Amino acid sequence: MATKRSAGLLLYRRRDGEVQILIAHMGGPFWASRDDAAWSIPKGEYTPDEDPMAAARREFEEELGLQPPVGDWIPLGETRQSNGKVITVWAMEGDLDTGLVVPGTFTMEWPRGSGVQQEFPEIDRAEWFGVETARGKLVASQRVFLDRLQPFL
């Protein structure tokens, strides 16, 4: 079985002398009542024949409903999650109005075993946080990207 791969874009900005990171709270019923370790870099899966950077751009647009700003893409490398999925992330300095976010949706059986298919937002909100606050909110496997971003700040 081929390894599943995801690509994402970590947007950051500078406000009042502080670096802020844009992250998204994962949508759906599993994450609804969680906050710490329930946020993600906007990202999504791609196929082996797709360019990872193109996938990161597409997934940013699908998850947030907005195009990423124009800017330089900084490669932050990849990491493997506990489920085996490999995530590749770039960072970019830029701004985005979270009030304009219109998340994409996904369909899943809910409640599990009910046979009922329901539609949920891929993310239920996106917000800007200081780096250390973002570290606590991000799922553990993505925190490494904040460390890799530090030399560029």
Protein backbone atom coordinates (compact mmCIF):
# COMPACT_ATOMS: atom_id res chain seq x y z
CA MET A 1 0.00 0.00 0.00
CA ALA A 2 1.35 3.41 -0.97
CA THR A 3 2.07 5.95 1.75
CA LYS A 4 -0.58 8.66 1.96
CA ARG A 5 0.84 12.15 1.52
CA SER A 6 -0.47 15.61 2.36
CA ALA A 7 0.85 19.05 1.52
CA GLY A 8 0.13 22.34 3.23
CA LEU A 9 0.92 26.02 3.55
CA LEU A 10 1.71 27.65 6.90
CA LEU A 11 0.94 31.36 6.66
CA TYR A 12 2.55 33.77 9.12
CA ARG A 13 2.44 37.52 9.68
CA ARG A 14 3.96 40.13 11.98
CA ARG A 15 1.63 42.20 14.16
CA ASP A 16 2.67 44.60 16.93
CA GLY A 17 6.12 43.03 17.16
CA GLU A 18 4.76 39.47 17.38
CA VAL A 19 4.79 36.71 14.79
CA GLN A 20 1.38 35.15 14.30
CA ILE A 21 0.55 31.84 12.64
CA LEU A 22 -2.65 31.01 10.74
CA ILE A 23 -4.05 27.63 11.73
CA ALA A 24 -7.44 25.98 11.27
CA HIS A 25 -9.61 24.11 13.75
CA MET A 26 -10.53 20.75 12.25
CA GLY A 27 -14.18 20.33 11.40
CA GLY A 28 -16.54 17.45 12.02
CA PRO A 29 -18.00 15.90 15.14
CA PHE A 30 -14.79 14.31 16.45
CA TRP A 31 -13.05 17.68 16.88
CA ALA A 32 -16.07 19.83 17.84
CA SER A 33 -15.46 19.89 21.60
CA ARG A 34 -11.64 19.86 21.47
CA ASP A 35 -9.28 22.84 21.33
CA ASP A 36 -5.75 21.88 22.36
CA ALA A 37 -4.09 19.67 19.74
CA ALA A 38 -7.18 20.00 17.51
CA TRP A 39 -5.89 22.57 15.01
CA SER A 40 -3.98 22.01 11.78
CA ILE A 41 -1.95 23.73 9.14
CA PRO A 42 -4.26 24.06 6.09
CA LYS A 43 -3.33 20.95 4.13
CA GLY A 44 -4.69 17.94 2.31
CA GLU A 45 -3.89 14.74 0.50
CA TYR A 46 -2.45 14.53 -2.96
CA THR A 47 -1.68 11.77 -5.43
CA PRO A 48 1.83 10.57 -6.39
CA ASP A 49 1.54 12.20 -9.82
CA GLU A 50 0.68 15.65 -8.40
CA ASP A 51 3.23 18.33 -7.57
CA PRO A 52 3.25 18.78 -3.76
CA MET A 53 3.44 22.58 -3.98
CA ALA A 54 0.48 22.68 -6.36
CA ALA A 55 -1.38 20.40 -3.93
CA ALA A 56 -0.56 22.71 -1.01
CA ARG A 57 -2.00 25.67 -2.94
CA ARG A 58 -5.11 23.72 -3.97
CA GLU A 59 -5.73 22.43 -0.44
CA PHE A 60 -5.29 25.91 1.06
CA GLU A 61 -7.98 27.16 -1.32
CA GLU A 62 -10.26 24.17 -0.66
CA GLU A 63 -9.99 24.36 3.12
CA LEU A 64 -10.22 28.15 3.48
CA GLY A 65 -12.14 29.14 0.37
CA LEU A 66 -9.45 31.75 -0.36
CA GLN A 67 -6.35 31.82 -2.51
CA PRO A 68 -3.06 32.05 -0.66
CA PRO A 69 -1.43 35.48 -0.81
CA VAL A 70 1.36 36.13 -3.27
CA GLY A 71 4.78 35.62 -1.74
CA ASP A 72 7.86 33.47 -1.42
CA TRP A 73 7.28 29.84 -0.50
CA ILE A 74 9.74 28.67 2.19
CA PRO A 75 10.19 24.88 2.26
CA LEU A 76 9.85 23.47 5.79
CA GLY A 77 10.32 19.85 4.76
CA GLU A 78 8.22 16.88 5.72
CA THR A 79 7.30 14.80 8.74
CA ARG A 80 5.55 11.50 9.29
CA GLN A 81 2.43 11.41 11.46
CA SER A 82 1.69 8.53 13.83
CA ASN A 83 -0.78 7.12 11.27
CA GLY A 84 2.06 6.90 8.72
CA LYS A 85 0.93 9.80 6.52
CA VAL A 86 3.77 12.05 5.33
CA ILE A 87 3.10 15.80 5.44
CA THR A 88 5.10 18.32 3.38
CA VAL A 89 4.76 21.98 4.38
CA TRP A 90 5.84 25.36 3.07
CA ALA A 91 5.62 28.65 4.92
CA MET A 92 4.84 32.08 3.54
CA GLU A 93 4.68 35.51 5.08
CA GLY A 94 1.38 37.13 4.23
CA ASP A 95 -1.95 38.22 5.59
CA LEU A 96 -5.48 36.93 5.26
CA ASP A 97 -8.78 38.10 6.73
CA THR A 98 -10.18 35.11 8.64
CA GLY A 99 -13.64 36.68 8.40
CA LEU A 100 -13.62 35.84 4.69
CA VAL A 101 -12.91 32.11 5.19
CA VAL A 102 -15.51 29.82 3.59
CA PRO A 103 -14.46 26.24 4.36
CA GLY A 104 -14.89 23.31 2.04
CA THR A 105 -16.94 20.32 3.20
CA PHE A 106 -16.68 16.54 3.48
CA THR A 107 -19.26 13.80 3.91
CA MET A 108 -19.06 11.00 6.47
CA GLU A 109 -21.31 8.54 8.24
CA TRP A 110 -22.48 10.12 11.50
CA PRO A 111 -23.22 8.86 14.02
CA ARG A 112 -20.87 5.98 13.25
CA GLY A 113 -22.73 2.82 12.36
CA SER A 114 -25.99 4.72 11.71
CA GLY A 115 -25.86 4.50 7.92
CA VAL A 116 -26.63 8.24 7.81
CA GLN A 117 -24.31 10.38 5.70
CA GLN A 118 -23.83 13.95 6.88
CA GLU A 119 -21.86 16.87 5.49
CA PHE A 120 -19.38 18.74 7.71
CA PRO A 121 -16.95 21.62 7.14
CA GLU A 122 -13.32 20.57 6.63
CA ILE A 123 -12.47 23.27 9.16
CA ASP A 124 -14.89 25.14 11.39
CA ARG A 125 -12.70 28.23 11.82
CA ALA A 126 -9.28 29.67 11.07
CA GLU A 127 -7.48 32.04 13.41
CA TRP A 128 -4.19 33.83 13.93
CA PHE A 129 -2.20 32.90 17.05
CA GLY A 130 1.20 33.75 18.49
CA VAL A 131 3.74 30.98 17.86
CA GLU A 132 3.65 29.50 21.37
CA THR A 133 -0.15 29.54 21.56
CA ALA A 134 -0.28 27.92 18.12
CA ARG A 135 2.14 25.22 19.32
CA GLY A 136 -0.35 24.08 21.98
CA LYS A 137 -3.28 24.15 19.58
CA LEU A 138 -1.63 22.28 16.69
CA VAL A 139 -1.81 18.50 16.51
CA ALA A 140 1.48 17.21 17.91
CA SER A 141 2.92 15.92 14.63
CA GLN A 142 2.74 19.40 13.02
CA ARG A 143 4.53 21.31 15.79
CA VAL A 144 7.89 20.51 14.20
CA PHE A 145 7.05 22.97 11.42
CA LEU A 146 6.97 25.84 13.92
CA ASP A 147 10.51 24.91 14.97
CA ARG A 148 11.63 24.80 11.33
CA LEU A 149 10.05 28.21 10.69
CA GLN A 150 12.04 29.94 13.49
CA PRO A 151 15.23 30.65 11.44
CA PHE A 152 13.14 32.60 8.91
CA LEU A 153 11.44 34.87 11.45
